[in-house]
Amino acid sequence: MTESGVRLDSRHRIVVLASGEGTNLQAIIDSCQSGAINGNVVAVVSNQPEIGAIRRAQRNDIATRVITKLAGESRQSFDARLAEAVSAYEPDWVVLAGFMRVLSDTFVARFASPNPQTPSRIINLHPAAPGELPGIHAIERAFAEAQTGSRVTSGVMVHFVDSEGVDCGPVIASVAVPILATDTLNDFTARIHHHEHEMLVSALQKICNQPLPSKVSSSVKEPMS
Protein backbone atom coordinates (compact mmCIF):
# COMPACT_ATOMS: atom_id res chain seq x y z
CA MET A 1 0.00 0.00 0.00
CA THR A 2 1.01 3.61 -0.46
CA GLU A 3 1.25 6.12 2.39
CA SER A 4 -2.27 7.24 1.54
CA GLY A 5 -3.58 3.73 2.08
CA VAL A 6 -4.23 3.09 -1.61
CA ARG A 7 -3.59 -0.50 -2.57
CA LEU A 8 -1.44 -0.98 -5.67
CA ASP A 9 -1.52 -4.78 -5.95
CA SER A 10 -4.87 -6.30 -6.91
CA ARG A 11 -3.77 -9.78 -5.90
CA HIS A 12 -5.18 -11.20 -2.68
CA ARG A 13 -2.80 -11.44 0.27
CA ILE A 14 -2.76 -14.93 1.78
CA VAL A 15 -1.24 -16.00 5.08
CA VAL A 16 -0.99 -19.77 5.52
CA LEU A 17 -0.97 -21.44 8.94
CA ALA A 18 0.63 -24.88 8.93
CA SER A 19 2.05 -27.38 11.40
CA GLY A 20 3.55 -30.07 9.18
CA GLU A 21 5.33 -30.91 5.96
CA GLY A 22 3.52 -28.26 3.94
CA THR A 23 2.47 -30.15 0.82
CA ASN A 24 -0.80 -28.23 0.66
CA LEU A 25 1.14 -25.01 1.20
CA GLN A 26 3.32 -25.94 -1.77
CA ALA A 27 0.26 -26.44 -3.94
CA ILE A 28 -0.90 -22.93 -3.03
CA ILE A 29 2.54 -21.40 -3.65
CA ASP A 30 2.86 -23.08 -7.04
CA SER A 31 -0.62 -21.97 -8.10
CA CYS A 32 0.00 -18.39 -7.01
CA GLN A 33 3.30 -18.29 -8.86
CA SER A 34 1.73 -19.69 -12.03
CA GLY A 35 -1.13 -17.20 -11.87
CA ALA A 36 -3.76 -19.89 -11.37
CA ILE A 37 -4.64 -18.20 -8.06
CA ASN A 38 -4.96 -14.43 -8.12
CA GLY A 39 -3.03 -14.09 -4.90
CA ASN A 40 0.30 -14.17 -3.14
CA VAL A 41 1.35 -16.15 -0.08
CA VAL A 42 2.83 -13.28 1.91
CA ALA A 43 3.69 -15.30 5.02
CA VAL A 44 3.65 -18.73 6.59
CA VAL A 45 2.98 -18.88 10.33
CA SER A 46 3.39 -22.02 12.39
CA ASN A 47 3.19 -23.24 15.97
CA GLN A 48 6.02 -25.69 15.25
CA PRO A 49 9.66 -24.85 14.46
CA GLU A 50 11.80 -26.87 12.08
CA ILE A 51 8.97 -28.18 9.93
CA GLY A 52 8.68 -28.73 6.20
CA ALA A 53 6.21 -25.89 5.74
CA ILE A 54 8.70 -23.36 7.12
CA ARG A 55 11.46 -24.70 4.88
CA ARG A 56 9.21 -24.57 1.82
CA ALA A 57 8.35 -20.94 2.57
CA GLN A 58 11.99 -20.01 3.03
CA ARG A 59 12.95 -21.66 -0.28
CA ASN A 60 10.35 -19.46 -1.96
CA ASP A 61 11.45 -16.24 -0.18
CA ILE A 62 8.21 -16.09 1.81
CA ALA A 63 8.23 -14.54 5.27
CA THR A 64 7.92 -17.00 8.16
CA ARG A 65 6.99 -16.70 11.81
CA VAL A 66 6.84 -19.35 14.54
CA ILE A 67 4.57 -18.75 17.53
CA THR A 68 4.92 -21.40 20.22
CA LYS A 69 2.78 -21.79 23.31
CA LEU A 70 4.41 -20.48 26.47
CA ALA A 71 4.48 -22.50 29.66
CA GLY A 72 1.18 -22.09 31.47
CA GLU A 73 -0.24 -19.85 28.74
CA SER A 74 -3.99 -19.92 28.22
CA ARG A 75 -5.51 -20.81 24.89
CA GLN A 76 -6.96 -17.31 24.58
CA SER A 77 -3.61 -15.67 25.28
CA PHE A 78 -1.84 -17.83 22.71
CA ASP A 79 -4.54 -17.16 20.11
CA ALA A 80 -4.30 -13.42 20.75
CA ARG A 81 -0.53 -13.52 20.13
CA LEU A 82 -1.05 -15.67 17.06
CA ALA A 83 -3.68 -13.29 15.69
CA GLU A 84 -1.35 -10.33 16.27
CA ALA A 85 1.43 -12.07 14.34
CA VAL A 86 -0.86 -12.96 11.44
CA SER A 87 -2.42 -9.48 11.33
CA ALA A 88 1.02 -7.91 10.88
CA TYR A 89 1.05 -9.31 7.32
CA GLU A 90 -2.30 -7.63 6.47
CA PRO A 91 -3.90 -10.76 5.01
CA ASP A 92 -7.04 -10.77 2.96
CA TRP A 93 -7.36 -14.47 3.74
CA VAL A 94 -5.94 -16.75 6.40
CA VAL A 95 -5.67 -20.35 5.19
CA LEU A 96 -5.38 -23.24 7.64
CA ALA A 97 -3.49 -25.90 5.71
CA GLY A 98 -2.68 -28.63 8.20
CA PHE A 99 -2.61 -26.30 11.21
CA MET A 100 -2.95 -28.65 14.16
CA ARG A 101 -4.61 -26.40 16.70
CA VAL A 102 -8.25 -25.58 17.28
CA LEU A 103 -8.60 -21.81 17.11
CA SER A 104 -10.71 -20.05 19.71
CA ASP A 105 -13.13 -17.16 19.25
CA THR A 106 -10.26 -14.88 20.22
CA PHE A 107 -8.57 -15.67 16.91
CA VAL A 108 -11.68 -16.08 14.74
CA ALA A 109 -13.14 -12.73 15.83
CA ARG A 110 -9.95 -10.96 14.79
CA PHE A 111 -10.56 -11.93 11.16
CA ALA A 112 -14.24 -11.15 10.90
CA SER A 113 -15.77 -10.57 7.48
CA PRO A 114 -18.09 -7.70 6.55
CA ASN A 115 -19.96 -10.14 4.29
CA PRO A 116 -22.67 -12.03 6.26
CA GLN A 117 -22.33 -14.98 3.89
CA THR A 118 -18.68 -15.45 4.88
CA PRO A 119 -18.45 -15.48 8.69
CA SER A 120 -14.71 -14.92 8.63
CA ARG A 121 -11.71 -14.45 6.39
CA ILE A 122 -10.35 -17.78 7.63
CA ILE A 123 -10.43 -20.79 5.30
CA ASN A 124 -9.87 -24.33 6.57
CA LEU A 125 -9.03 -27.57 4.80
CA HIS A 126 -10.37 -30.72 6.49
CA PRO A 127 -9.82 -34.30 5.25
CA ALA A 128 -13.39 -35.47 5.73
CA ALA A 129 -16.84 -34.86 4.32
CA PRO A 130 -18.91 -31.95 5.70
CA GLY A 131 -20.25 -32.78 9.13
CA GLU A 132 -18.06 -35.87 9.54
CA LEU A 133 -14.99 -36.73 11.62
CA PRO A 134 -14.21 -33.32 13.12
CA GLY A 135 -10.88 -32.88 14.81
CA ILE A 136 -7.50 -34.52 14.34
CA HIS A 137 -6.59 -37.85 12.74
CA ALA A 138 -9.64 -37.80 10.45
CA ILE A 139 -7.88 -39.85 7.77
CA GLU A 140 -6.84 -42.57 10.22
CA ARG A 141 -10.28 -42.64 11.84
CA ALA A 142 -12.02 -42.99 8.48
CA PHE A 143 -9.72 -45.82 7.46
CA ALA A 144 -10.24 -47.60 10.79
CA GLU A 145 -14.01 -47.42 10.29
CA ALA A 146 -13.59 -48.85 6.80
CA GLN A 147 -11.79 -51.85 8.27
CA THR A 148 -14.85 -52.62 10.39
CA GLY A 149 -17.15 -52.34 7.40
CA SER A 150 -18.92 -49.24 8.71
CA ARG A 151 -17.54 -46.84 6.09
CA VAL A 152 -16.79 -47.02 2.36
CA THR A 153 -16.13 -43.32 1.63
CA SER A 154 -14.71 -40.29 3.33
CA GLY A 155 -14.02 -36.91 1.77
CA VAL A 156 -12.25 -33.58 1.68
CA MET A 157 -13.79 -30.18 2.28
CA VAL A 158 -12.75 -26.55 2.25
CA HIS A 159 -14.87 -24.24 4.36
CA PHE A 160 -15.04 -20.85 6.03
CA VAL A 161 -14.27 -21.01 9.73
CA ASP A 162 -16.91 -19.79 12.15
CA SER A 163 -17.27 -19.85 15.92
CA GLU A 164 -19.86 -22.61 16.01
CA GLY A 165 -17.56 -25.60 16.47
CA VAL A 166 -14.63 -27.62 15.14
CA ASP A 167 -14.27 -28.17 11.37
CA CYS A 168 -17.61 -26.62 10.57
CA GLY A 169 -18.77 -23.47 8.82
CA PRO A 170 -20.10 -22.67 5.35
CA VAL A 171 -18.68 -25.14 2.85
CA ILE A 172 -16.82 -23.70 -0.14
CA ALA A 173 -16.14 -27.03 -1.86
CA SER A 174 -16.17 -30.73 -1.03
CA VAL A 175 -15.58 -34.07 -2.70
CA ALA A 176 -16.25 -37.67 -1.72
CA VAL A 177 -13.19 -39.93 -1.59
CA PRO A 178 -13.68 -43.71 -1.79
CA ILE A 179 -11.93 -46.14 0.53
CA LEU A 180 -11.15 -49.19 -1.58
CA ALA A 181 -11.15 -52.72 -0.21
CA THR A 182 -7.56 -53.10 -1.39
CA ASP A 183 -6.34 -49.87 0.20
CA THR A 184 -3.62 -49.67 2.78
CA LEU A 185 -3.64 -46.62 5.05
CA ASN A 186 -0.85 -45.17 2.89
CA ASP A 187 -2.91 -45.70 -0.27
CA PHE A 188 -5.93 -43.98 1.20
CA THR A 189 -3.84 -41.16 2.68
CA ALA A 190 -2.22 -40.50 -0.69
CA ARG A 191 -5.66 -40.33 -2.35
CA ILE A 192 -6.90 -37.89 0.28
CA HIS A 193 -3.83 -35.68 -0.14
CA HIS A 194 -4.29 -35.63 -3.92
CA HIS A 195 -7.83 -34.34 -3.48
CA GLU A 196 -6.73 -31.90 -0.77
CA HIS A 197 -4.30 -30.20 -3.15
CA GLU A 198 -6.92 -29.98 -5.90
CA MET A 199 -9.76 -28.79 -3.64
CA LEU A 200 -7.73 -26.15 -1.83
CA VAL A 201 -6.34 -24.67 -5.03
CA SER A 202 -9.78 -24.75 -6.67
CA ALA A 203 -11.40 -23.05 -3.68
CA LEU A 204 -8.76 -20.32 -3.56
CA GLN A 205 -9.08 -19.76 -7.31
CA LYS A 206 -12.80 -19.17 -6.77
CA ILE A 207 -12.32 -16.90 -3.76
CA CYS A 208 -9.44 -14.88 -5.18
CA ASN A 209 -11.30 -14.32 -8.43
CA GLN A 210 -13.72 -12.16 -6.45
CA PRO A 211 -13.12 -8.51 -5.51
CA LEU A 212 -10.82 -8.01 -2.56
CA PRO A 213 -12.67 -8.25 0.75
CA SER A 214 -13.55 -4.99 2.45
CA LYS A 215 -11.24 -4.22 5.30
CA VAL A 216 -12.56 -4.34 8.84
CA SER A 217 -10.89 -3.00 11.92
CA SER A 218 -7.74 -4.92 12.80
CA SER A 219 -8.21 -4.24 16.49
CA VAL A 220 -8.80 -7.21 18.76
CA LYS A 221 -12.51 -7.86 19.08
CA GLU A 222 -14.18 -9.50 22.02
CA PRO A 223 -15.51 -12.94 21.12
CA MET A 224 -19.23 -13.43 21.28
CA SER A 225 -20.44 -15.03 24.50
C-alpha atoms as a PDB file:
ATOM      1  CA  MET A   1       0.000   0.000   0.000  1.00  0.00           C
ATOM      2  CA  THR A   2       1.008   3.614  -0.462  1.00  0.00           C
ATOM      3  CA  GLU A   3       1.253   6.121   2.391  1.00  0.00           C
ATOM      4  CA  SER A   4      -2.267   7.242   1.540  1.00  0.00           C
ATOM      5  CA  GLY A   5      -3.580   3.729   2.077  1.00  0.00           C
ATOM      6  CA  VAL A   6      -4.232   3.085  -1.610  1.00  0.00           C
ATOM      7  CA  ARG A   7      -3.588  -0.504  -2.566  1.00  0.00           C
ATOM      8  CA  LEU A   8      -1.440  -0.976  -5.667  1.00  0.00           C
ATOM      9  CA  ASP A   9      -1.517  -4.781  -5.946  1.00  0.00           C
ATOM     10  CA  SER A  10      -4.868  -6.303  -6.906  1.00  0.00           C
ATOM     11  CA  ARG A  11      -3.774  -9.782  -5.896  1.00  0.00           C
ATOM     12  CA  HIS A  12      -5.176 -11.202  -2.678  1.00  0.00           C
ATOM     13  CA  ARG A  13      -2.805 -11.441   0.273  1.00  0.00           C
ATOM     14  CA  ILE A  14      -2.763 -14.934   1.776  1.00  0.00           C
ATOM     15  CA  VAL A  15      -1.240 -16.002   5.078  1.00  0.00           C
ATOM     16  CA  VAL A  16      -0.987 -19.768   5.521  1.00  0.00           C
ATOM     17  CA  LEU A  17      -0.975 -21.437   8.938  1.00  0.00           C
ATOM     18  CA  ALA A  18       0.632 -24.876   8.931  1.00  0.00           C
ATOM     19  CA  SER A  19       2.053 -27.385  11.398  1.00  0.00           C
ATOM     20  CA  GLY A  20       3.546 -30.072   9.183  1.00  0.00           C
ATOM     21  CA  GLU A  21       5.328 -30.914   5.962  1.00  0.00           C
ATOM     22  CA  GLY A  22       3.517 -28.257   3.942  1.00  0.00           C
ATOM     23  CA  THR A  23       2.472 -30.152   0.818  1.00  0.00           C
ATOM     24  CA  ASN A  24      -0.804 -28.225   0.665  1.00  0.00           C
ATOM     25  CA  LEU A  25       1.142 -25.013   1.197  1.00  0.00           C
ATOM     26  CA  GLN A  26       3.323 -25.943  -1.771  1.00  0.00           C
ATOM     27  CA  ALA A  27       0.256 -26.444  -3.944  1.00  0.00           C
ATOM     28  CA  ILE A  28      -0.900 -22.929  -3.031  1.00  0.00           C
ATOM     29  CA  ILE A  29       2.542 -21.401  -3.649  1.00  0.00           C
ATOM     30  CA  ASP A  30       2.860 -23.083  -7.040  1.00  0.00           C
ATOM     31  CA  SER A  31      -0.624 -21.975  -8.104  1.00  0.00           C
ATOM     32  CA  CYS A  32       0.000 -18.385  -7.012  1.00  0.00           C
ATOM     33  CA  GLN A  33       3.299 -18.293  -8.857  1.00  0.00           C
ATOM     34  CA  SER A  34       1.733 -19.688 -12.028  1.00  0.00           C
ATOM     35  CA  GLY A  35      -1.130 -17.197 -11.871  1.00  0.00           C
ATOM     36  CA  ALA A  36      -3.764 -19.890 -11.366  1.00  0.00           C
ATOM     37  CA  ILE A  37      -4.641 -18.204  -8.056  1.00  0.00           C
ATOM     38  CA  ASN A  38      -4.962 -14.425  -8.122  1.00  0.00           C
ATOM     39  CA  GLY A  39      -3.035 -14.092  -4.899  1.00  0.00           C
ATOM     40  CA  ASN A  40       0.305 -14.171  -3.142  1.00  0.00           C
ATOM     41  CA  VAL A  41       1.347 -16.150  -0.081  1.00  0.00           C
ATOM     42  CA  VAL A  42       2.828 -13.275   1.914  1.00  0.00           C
ATOM     43  CA  ALA A  43       3.694 -15.300   5.020  1.00  0.00           C
ATOM     44  CA  VAL A  44       3.652 -18.734   6.591  1.00  0.00           C
ATOM     45  CA  VAL A  45       2.982 -18.876  10.326  1.00  0.00           C
ATOM     46  CA  SER A  46       3.386 -22.017  12.393  1.00  0.00           C
ATOM     47  CA  ASN A  47       3.191 -23.237  15.972  1.00  0.00           C
ATOM     48  CA  GLN A  48       6.015 -25.690  15.255  1.00  0.00           C
ATOM     49  CA  PRO A  49       9.659 -24.847  14.456  1.00  0.00           C
ATOM     50  CA  GLU A  50      11.801 -26.873  12.082  1.00  0.00           C
ATOM     51  CA  ILE A  51       8.966 -28.176   9.927  1.00  0.00           C
ATOM     52  CA  GLY A  52       8.679 -28.725   6.202  1.00  0.00           C
ATOM     53  CA  ALA A  53       6.207 -25.886   5.736  1.00  0.00           C
ATOM     54  CA  ILE A  54       8.699 -23.362   7.115  1.00  0.00           C
ATOM     55  CA  ARG A  55      11.462 -24.698   4.885  1.00  0.00           C
ATOM     56  CA  ARG A  56       9.215 -24.570   1.817  1.00  0.00           C
ATOM     57  CA  ALA A  57       8.349 -20.943   2.565  1.00  0.00           C
ATOM     58  CA  GLN A  58      11.991 -20.013   3.027  1.00  0.00           C
ATOM     59  CA  ARG A  59      12.954 -21.657  -0.280  1.00  0.00           C
ATOM     60  CA  ASN A  60      10.352 -19.456  -1.958  1.00  0.00           C
ATOM     61  CA  ASP A  61      11.450 -16.244  -0.182  1.00  0.00           C
ATOM     62  CA  ILE A  62       8.206 -16.088   1.805  1.00  0.00           C
ATOM     63  CA  ALA A  63       8.228 -14.544   5.271  1.00  0.00           C
ATOM     64  CA  THR A  64       7.917 -17.003   8.160  1.00  0.00           C
ATOM     65  CA  ARG A  65       6.993 -16.705  11.814  1.00  0.00           C
ATOM     66  CA  VAL A  66       6.845 -19.352  14.538  1.00  0.00           C
ATOM     67  CA  ILE A  67       4.568 -18.747  17.527  1.00  0.00           C
ATOM     68  CA  THR A  68       4.915 -21.401  20.220  1.00  0.00           C
ATOM     69  CA  LYS A  69       2.781 -21.786  23.314  1.00  0.00           C
ATOM     70  CA  LEU A  70       4.411 -20.481  26.470  1.00  0.00           C
ATOM     71  CA  ALA A  71       4.482 -22.504  29.659  1.00  0.00           C
ATOM     72  CA  GLY A  72       1.177 -22.090  31.469  1.00  0.00           C
ATOM     73  CA  GLU A  73      -0.242 -19.849  28.736  1.00  0.00           C
ATOM     74  CA  SER A  74      -3.994 -19.925  28.219  1.00  0.00           C
ATOM     75  CA  ARG A  75      -5.510 -20.813  24.887  1.00  0.00           C
ATOM     76  CA  GLN A  76      -6.964 -17.307  24.584  1.00  0.00           C
ATOM     77  CA  SER A  77      -3.614 -15.672  25.283  1.00  0.00           C
ATOM     78  CA  PHE A  78      -1.841 -17.834  22.708  1.00  0.00           C
ATOM     79  CA  ASP A  79      -4.538 -17.157  20.106  1.00  0.00           C
ATOM     80  CA  ALA A  80      -4.302 -13.416  20.751  1.00  0.00           C
ATOM     81  CA  ARG A  81      -0.528 -13.523  20.128  1.00  0.00           C
ATOM     82  CA  LEU A  82      -1.048 -15.674  17.058  1.00  0.00           C
ATOM     83  CA  ALA A  83      -3.676 -13.287  15.693  1.00  0.00           C
ATOM     84  CA  GLU A  84      -1.347 -10.335  16.270  1.00  0.00           C
ATOM     85  CA  ALA A  85       1.433 -12.068  14.338  1.00  0.00           C
ATOM     86  CA  VAL A  86      -0.857 -12.956  11.440  1.00  0.00           C
ATOM     87  CA  SER A  87      -2.425  -9.482  11.329  1.00  0.00           C
ATOM     88  CA  ALA A  88       1.017  -7.912  10.877  1.00  0.00           C
ATOM     89  CA  TYR A  89       1.053  -9.306   7.324  1.00  0.00           C
ATOM     90  CA  GLU A  90      -2.298  -7.633   6.473  1.00  0.00           C
ATOM     91  CA  PRO A  91      -3.899 -10.765   5.012  1.00  0.00           C
ATOM     92  CA  ASP A  92      -7.041 -10.768   2.959  1.00  0.00           C
ATOM     93  CA  TRP A  93      -7.362 -14.474   3.739  1.00  0.00           C
ATOM     94  CA  VAL A  94      -5.938 -16.755   6.403  1.00  0.00           C
ATOM     95  CA  VAL A  95      -5.668 -20.347   5.189  1.00  0.00           C
ATOM     96  CA  LEU A  96      -5.385 -23.240   7.637  1.00  0.00           C
ATOM     97  CA  ALA A  97      -3.492 -25.901   5.714  1.00  0.00           C
ATOM     98  CA  GLY A  98      -2.685 -28.634   8.196  1.00  0.00           C
ATOM     99  CA  PHE A  99      -2.607 -26.302  11.206  1.00  0.00           C
ATOM    100  CA  MET A 100      -2.950 -28.652  14.157  1.00  0.00           C
ATOM    101  CA  ARG A 101      -4.610 -26.398  16.695  1.00  0.00           C
ATOM    102  CA  VAL A 102      -8.252 -25.579  17.281  1.00  0.00           C
ATOM    103  CA  LEU A 103      -8.599 -21.812  17.110  1.00  0.00           C
ATOM    104  CA  SER A 104     -10.710 -20.051  19.707  1.00  0.00           C
ATOM    105  CA  ASP A 105     -13.131 -17.164  19.245  1.00  0.00           C
ATOM    106  CA  THR A 106     -10.259 -14.878  20.224  1.00  0.00           C
ATOM    107  CA  PHE A 107      -8.572 -15.667  16.912  1.00  0.00           C
ATOM    108  CA  VAL A 108     -11.678 -16.083  14.742  1.00  0.00           C
ATOM    109  CA  ALA A 109     -13.141 -12.734  15.831  1.00  0.00           C
ATOM    110  CA  ARG A 110      -9.948 -10.958  14.787  1.00  0.00           C
ATOM    111  CA  PHE A 111     -10.561 -11.933  11.156  1.00  0.00           C
ATOM    112  CA  ALA A 112     -14.241 -11.151  10.897  1.00  0.00           C
ATOM    113  CA  SER A 113     -15.768 -10.570   7.482  1.00  0.00           C
ATOM    114  CA  PRO A 114     -18.089  -7.696   6.547  1.00  0.00           C
ATOM    115  CA  ASN A 115     -19.960 -10.142   4.294  1.00  0.00           C
ATOM    116  CA  PRO A 116     -22.667 -12.026   6.263  1.00  0.00           C
ATOM    117  CA  GLN A 117     -22.327 -14.984   3.889  1.00  0.00           C
ATOM    118  CA  THR A 118     -18.681 -15.447   4.881  1.00  0.00           C
ATOM    119  CA  PRO A 119     -18.447 -15.480   8.689  1.00  0.00           C
ATOM    120  CA  SER A 120     -14.712 -14.919   8.635  1.00  0.00           C
ATOM    121  CA  ARG A 121     -11.710 -14.450   6.394  1.00  0.00           C
ATOM    122  CA  ILE A 122     -10.353 -17.780   7.633  1.00  0.00           C
ATOM    123  CA  ILE A 123     -10.432 -20.790   5.303  1.00  0.00           C
ATOM    124  CA  ASN A 124      -9.872 -24.326   6.566  1.00  0.00           C
ATOM    125  CA  LEU A 125      -9.027 -27.566   4.800  1.00  0.00           C
ATOM    126  CA  HIS A 126     -10.366 -30.720   6.486  1.00  0.00           C
ATOM    127  CA  PRO A 127      -9.817 -34.304   5.251  1.00  0.00           C
ATOM    128  CA  ALA A 128     -13.395 -35.474   5.732  1.00  0.00           C
ATOM    129  CA  ALA A 129     -16.839 -34.861   4.325  1.00  0.00           C
ATOM    130  CA  PRO A 130     -18.907 -31.953   5.699  1.00  0.00           C
ATOM    131  CA  GLY A 131     -20.246 -32.782   9.133  1.00  0.00           C
ATOM    132  CA  GLU A 132     -18.062 -35.872   9.545  1.00  0.00           C
ATOM    133  CA  LEU A 133     -14.992 -36.729  11.617  1.00  0.00           C
ATOM    134  CA  PRO A 134     -14.212 -33.321  13.123  1.00  0.00           C
ATOM    135  CA  GLY A 135     -10.876 -32.879  14.808  1.00  0.00           C
ATOM    136  CA  ILE A 136      -7.505 -34.519  14.345  1.00  0.00           C
ATOM    137  CA  HIS A 137      -6.589 -37.851  12.740  1.00  0.00           C
ATOM    138  CA  ALA A 138      -9.645 -37.796  10.454  1.00  0.00           C
ATOM    139  CA  ILE A 139      -7.877 -39.852   7.774  1.00  0.00           C
ATOM    140  CA  GLU A 140      -6.843 -42.570  10.215  1.00  0.00           C
ATOM    141  CA  ARG A 141     -10.277 -42.636  11.841  1.00  0.00           C
ATOM    142  CA  ALA A 142     -12.021 -42.991   8.485  1.00  0.00           C
ATOM    143  CA  PHE A 143      -9.718 -45.817   7.462  1.00  0.00           C
ATOM    144  CA  ALA A 144     -10.241 -47.605  10.794  1.00  0.00           C
ATOM    145  CA  GLU A 145     -14.010 -47.417  10.288  1.00  0.00           C
ATOM    146  CA  ALA A 146     -13.595 -48.853   6.796  1.00  0.00           C
ATOM    147  CA  GLN A 147     -11.787 -51.852   8.267  1.00  0.00           C
ATOM    148  CA  THR A 148     -14.849 -52.625  10.394  1.00  0.00           C
ATOM    149  CA  GLY A 149     -17.149 -52.339   7.395  1.00  0.00           C
ATOM    150  CA  SER A 150     -18.921 -49.245   8.710  1.00  0.00           C
ATOM    151  CA  ARG A 151     -17.539 -46.842   6.095  1.00  0.00           C
ATOM    152  CA  VAL A 152     -16.792 -47.017   2.364  1.00  0.00           C
ATOM    153  CA  THR A 153     -16.130 -43.321   1.634  1.00  0.00           C
ATOM    154  CA  SER A 154     -14.708 -40.290   3.328  1.00  0.00           C
ATOM    155  CA  GLY A 155     -14.019 -36.910   1.768  1.00  0.00           C
ATOM    156  CA  VAL A 156     -12.250 -33.580   1.677  1.00  0.00           C
ATOM    157  CA  MET A 157     -13.792 -30.180   2.278  1.00  0.00           C
ATOM    158  CA  VAL A 158     -12.749 -26.550   2.252  1.00  0.00           C
ATOM    159  CA  HIS A 159     -14.869 -24.235   4.361  1.00  0.00           C
ATOM    160  CA  PHE A 160     -15.037 -20.849   6.032  1.00  0.00           C
ATOM    161  CA  VAL A 161     -14.265 -21.014   9.735  1.00  0.00           C
ATOM    162  CA  ASP A 162     -16.909 -19.789  12.147  1.00  0.00           C
ATOM    163  CA  SER A 163     -17.275 -19.850  15.922  1.00  0.00           C
ATOM    164  CA  GLU A 164     -19.860 -22.615  16.014  1.00  0.00           C
ATOM    165  CA  GLY A 165     -17.563 -25.604  16.473  1.00  0.00           C
ATOM    166  CA  VAL A 166     -14.633 -27.617  15.138  1.00  0.00           C
ATOM    167  CA  ASP A 167     -14.272 -28.167  11.374  1.00  0.00           C
ATOM    168  CA  CYS A 168     -17.610 -26.619  10.573  1.00  0.00           C
ATOM    169  CA  GLY A 169     -18.774 -23.474   8.824  1.00  0.00           C
ATOM    170  CA  PRO A 170     -20.099 -22.667   5.351  1.00  0.00           C
ATOM    171  CA  VAL A 171     -18.677 -25.142   2.850  1.00  0.00           C
ATOM    172  CA  ILE A 172     -16.820 -23.701  -0.141  1.00  0.00           C
ATOM    173  CA  ALA A 173     -16.144 -27.031  -1.863  1.00  0.00           C
ATOM    174  CA  SER A 174     -16.167 -30.727  -1.033  1.00  0.00           C
ATOM    175  CA  VAL A 175     -15.582 -34.067  -2.702  1.00  0.00           C
ATOM    176  CA  ALA A 176     -16.248 -37.675  -1.725  1.00  0.00           C
ATOM    177  CA  VAL A 177     -13.188 -39.927  -1.589  1.00  0.00           C
ATOM    178  CA  PRO A 178     -13.676 -43.710  -1.786  1.00  0.00           C
ATOM    179  CA  ILE A 179     -11.928 -46.137   0.533  1.00  0.00           C
ATOM    180  CA  LEU A 180     -11.147 -49.185  -1.582  1.00  0.00           C
ATOM    181  CA  ALA A 181     -11.151 -52.717  -0.210  1.00  0.00           C
ATOM    182  CA  THR A 182      -7.558 -53.105  -1.389  1.00  0.00           C
ATOM    183  CA  ASP A 183      -6.344 -49.868   0.199  1.00  0.00           C
ATOM    184  CA  THR A 184      -3.619 -49.673   2.780  1.00  0.00           C
ATOM    185  CA  LEU A 185      -3.638 -46.621   5.049  1.00  0.00           C
ATOM    186  CA  ASN A 186      -0.852 -45.166   2.890  1.00  0.00           C
ATOM    187  CA  ASP A 187      -2.915 -45.702  -0.269  1.00  0.00           C
ATOM    188  CA  PHE A 188      -5.932 -43.976   1.204  1.00  0.00           C
ATOM    189  CA  THR A 189      -3.844 -41.156   2.685  1.00  0.00           C
ATOM    190  CA  ALA A 190      -2.223 -40.496  -0.692  1.00  0.00           C
ATOM    191  CA  ARG A 191      -5.655 -40.332  -2.352  1.00  0.00           C
ATOM    192  CA  ILE A 192      -6.900 -37.890   0.282  1.00  0.00           C
ATOM    193  CA  HIS A 193      -3.831 -35.677  -0.141  1.00  0.00           C
ATOM    194  CA  HIS A 194      -4.290 -35.634  -3.920  1.00  0.00           C
ATOM    195  CA  HIS A 195      -7.834 -34.342  -3.475  1.00  0.00           C
ATOM    196  CA  GLU A 196      -6.730 -31.904  -0.773  1.00  0.00           C
ATOM    197  CA  HIS A 197      -4.301 -30.197  -3.150  1.00  0.00           C
ATOM    198  CA  GLU A 198      -6.922 -29.981  -5.904  1.00  0.00           C
ATOM    199  CA  MET A 199      -9.756 -28.795  -3.640  1.00  0.00           C
ATOM    200  CA  LEU A 200      -7.735 -26.149  -1.826  1.00  0.00           C
ATOM    201  CA  VAL A 201      -6.343 -24.668  -5.034  1.00  0.00           C
ATOM    202  CA  SER A 202      -9.778 -24.753  -6.673  1.00  0.00           C
ATOM    203  CA  ALA A 203     -11.405 -23.045  -3.677  1.00  0.00           C
ATOM    204  CA  LEU A 204      -8.756 -20.316  -3.565  1.00  0.00           C
ATOM    205  CA  GLN A 205      -9.082 -19.762  -7.306  1.00  0.00           C
ATOM    206  CA  LYS A 206     -12.798 -19.170  -6.773  1.00  0.00           C
ATOM    207  CA  ILE A 207     -12.322 -16.901  -3.756  1.00  0.00           C
ATOM    208  CA  CYS A 208      -9.442 -14.876  -5.177  1.00  0.00           C
ATOM    209  CA  ASN A 209     -11.301 -14.324  -8.433  1.00  0.00           C
ATOM    210  CA  GLN A 210     -13.724 -12.161  -6.454  1.00  0.00           C
ATOM    211  CA  PRO A 211     -13.118  -8.513  -5.508  1.00  0.00           C
ATOM    212  CA  LEU A 212     -10.815  -8.009  -2.562  1.00  0.00           C
ATOM    213  CA  PRO A 213     -12.670  -8.251   0.750  1.00  0.00           C
ATOM    214  CA  SER A 214     -13.554  -4.993   2.447  1.00  0.00           C
ATOM    215  CA  LYS A 215     -11.243  -4.223   5.305  1.00  0.00           C
ATOM    216  CA  VAL A 216     -12.561  -4.335   8.837  1.00  0.00           C
ATOM    217  CA  SER A 217     -10.890  -3.000  11.923  1.00  0.00           C
ATOM    218  CA  SER A 218      -7.744  -4.917  12.798  1.00  0.00           C
ATOM    219  CA  SER A 219      -8.208  -4.236  16.495  1.00  0.00           C
ATOM    220  CA  VAL A 220      -8.805  -7.206  18.758  1.00  0.00           C
ATOM    221  CA  LYS A 221     -12.513  -7.859  19.076  1.00  0.00           C
ATOM    222  CA  GLU A 222     -14.182  -9.502  22.015  1.00  0.00           C
ATOM    223  CA  PRO A 223     -15.508 -12.936  21.117  1.00  0.00           C
ATOM    224  CA  MET A 224     -19.227 -13.430  21.280  1.00  0.00           C
ATOM    225  CA  SER A 225     -20.443 -15.035  24.495  1.00  0.00           C
END
